Protein backbone atom coordinates (compact mmCIF):
# COMPACT_ATOMS: atom_id res chain seq x y z
CA MET A 1 -5.60 9.91 -19.95
CA LYS A 2 -4.51 8.85 -16.64
CA PRO A 3 -7.03 7.94 -13.96
CA VAL A 4 -7.07 10.66 -10.73
CA LYS A 5 -6.48 9.50 -7.66
CA GLU A 6 -9.21 9.94 -5.23
CA ARG A 7 -8.80 8.24 -1.99
CA LYS A 8 -6.61 9.65 -0.10
CA ALA A 9 -5.64 7.44 3.05
CA MET A 10 -3.06 8.90 5.24
CA VAL A 11 -0.08 10.08 4.94
CA ASP A 12 3.05 8.41 5.70
CA LYS A 13 5.86 9.19 8.21
CA ASN A 14 7.66 11.75 5.65
CA ASP A 15 4.23 13.49 5.24
CA LYS A 16 3.57 11.75 1.96
CA GLU A 17 -0.05 11.41 0.85
CA ILE A 18 -0.82 7.55 0.86
CA TYR A 19 -3.85 6.82 -2.03
CA VAL A 20 -6.06 4.07 -3.02
CA GLY A 21 -4.09 2.16 -5.81
CA ASP A 22 -0.29 3.07 -4.31
CA LEU A 23 2.09 -0.38 -4.14
CA PHE A 24 4.05 -0.74 -1.54
CA ALA A 25 7.38 -2.57 -0.69
CA GLY A 26 8.12 -4.24 2.85
CA PHE A 27 11.40 -4.96 3.42
CA GLY A 28 11.96 -7.42 6.31
CA GLU A 29 13.22 -10.74 6.02
CA GLY A 30 12.68 -10.72 1.56
CA ILE A 31 10.61 -7.70 0.37
CA LYS A 32 7.31 -8.19 0.01
CA TYR A 33 4.61 -6.02 -2.29
CA PHE A 34 1.51 -4.38 -1.31
CA GLU A 35 -1.60 -2.78 -3.02
CA LEU A 36 -3.72 -0.45 -1.05
CA ARG A 37 -7.70 -0.77 -2.18
CA LEU A 38 -10.86 0.80 -0.79
CA GLU A 39 -13.10 -2.33 0.50
CA ASN A 40 -16.33 -1.12 2.02
CA GLY A 41 -15.73 1.78 3.05
CA GLU A 42 -12.58 0.72 4.40
CA PHE A 43 -8.31 1.23 3.74
CA VAL A 44 -6.83 -2.07 2.86
CA MET A 45 -3.89 -3.76 2.00
CA TYR A 46 -3.63 -6.69 -0.64
CA GLN A 47 -0.76 -9.29 -1.50
CA ASN A 48 -0.90 -11.18 -4.71
CA TYR A 49 -2.66 -14.40 -2.63
CA GLY A 50 -5.17 -11.74 -1.95
CA ARG A 51 -6.41 -9.25 1.34
CA TRP A 52 -3.82 -9.00 3.68
CA GLY A 53 -5.91 -6.88 6.33
CA SER A 54 -6.42 -3.48 6.99
CA LEU A 55 -4.51 -0.54 6.52
CA VAL A 56 -4.05 0.41 9.78
CA ARG A 57 -3.44 -2.91 11.14
CA PHE A 58 -0.51 -3.40 8.15
CA PHE A 59 1.47 -0.44 9.61
CA GLU A 60 0.93 -1.46 13.01
CA VAL A 61 2.48 -5.18 12.09
CA CYS A 62 5.18 -3.20 9.98
CA ARG A 63 6.36 -1.21 12.68
CA HIS A 64 6.66 -4.11 15.37
CA LEU A 65 8.38 -6.08 13.39
CA SER A 66 10.66 -3.48 12.34
CA ILE A 67 9.54 -3.39 8.67
CA ASN A 68 10.44 -0.59 6.17
CA VAL A 69 7.70 0.08 3.79
CA ILE A 70 8.23 2.66 1.09
CA VAL A 71 5.56 3.31 -1.44
CA ILE A 72 6.90 2.37 -4.95
CA GLY A 73 4.59 3.82 -6.85
CA ASN A 74 0.63 2.86 -8.45
CA ILE A 75 -1.61 0.68 -10.16
CA TYR A 76 -2.27 4.10 -12.40
CA GLN A 77 1.05 5.00 -13.88
CA ASN A 78 3.06 1.43 -12.77
CA PRO A 79 0.89 -1.70 -13.87
CA GLU A 80 3.81 -3.37 -14.72
CA LEU A 81 4.47 -3.62 -11.10
CA LEU A 82 0.65 -5.65 -10.81
CA ASN A 83 2.96 -8.46 -11.68
């Protein structure tokens, strides 16, 4: 049985829903990977080294630096992407 993604954070520029547990790839100078979590009622982004910052700030920085971000999966259906 797969866990249900319960917490919708927002929608992306293509009207795709973004949920807690989604995994992202950011393409700028190299590729960086992120996981969306819910922490103390706030949507936050994590990298392998720890907390990056809020989801809203993440998208502001990506937009400012012209970094393309896509959802590449989620922690429930693609746990291998966490490694």
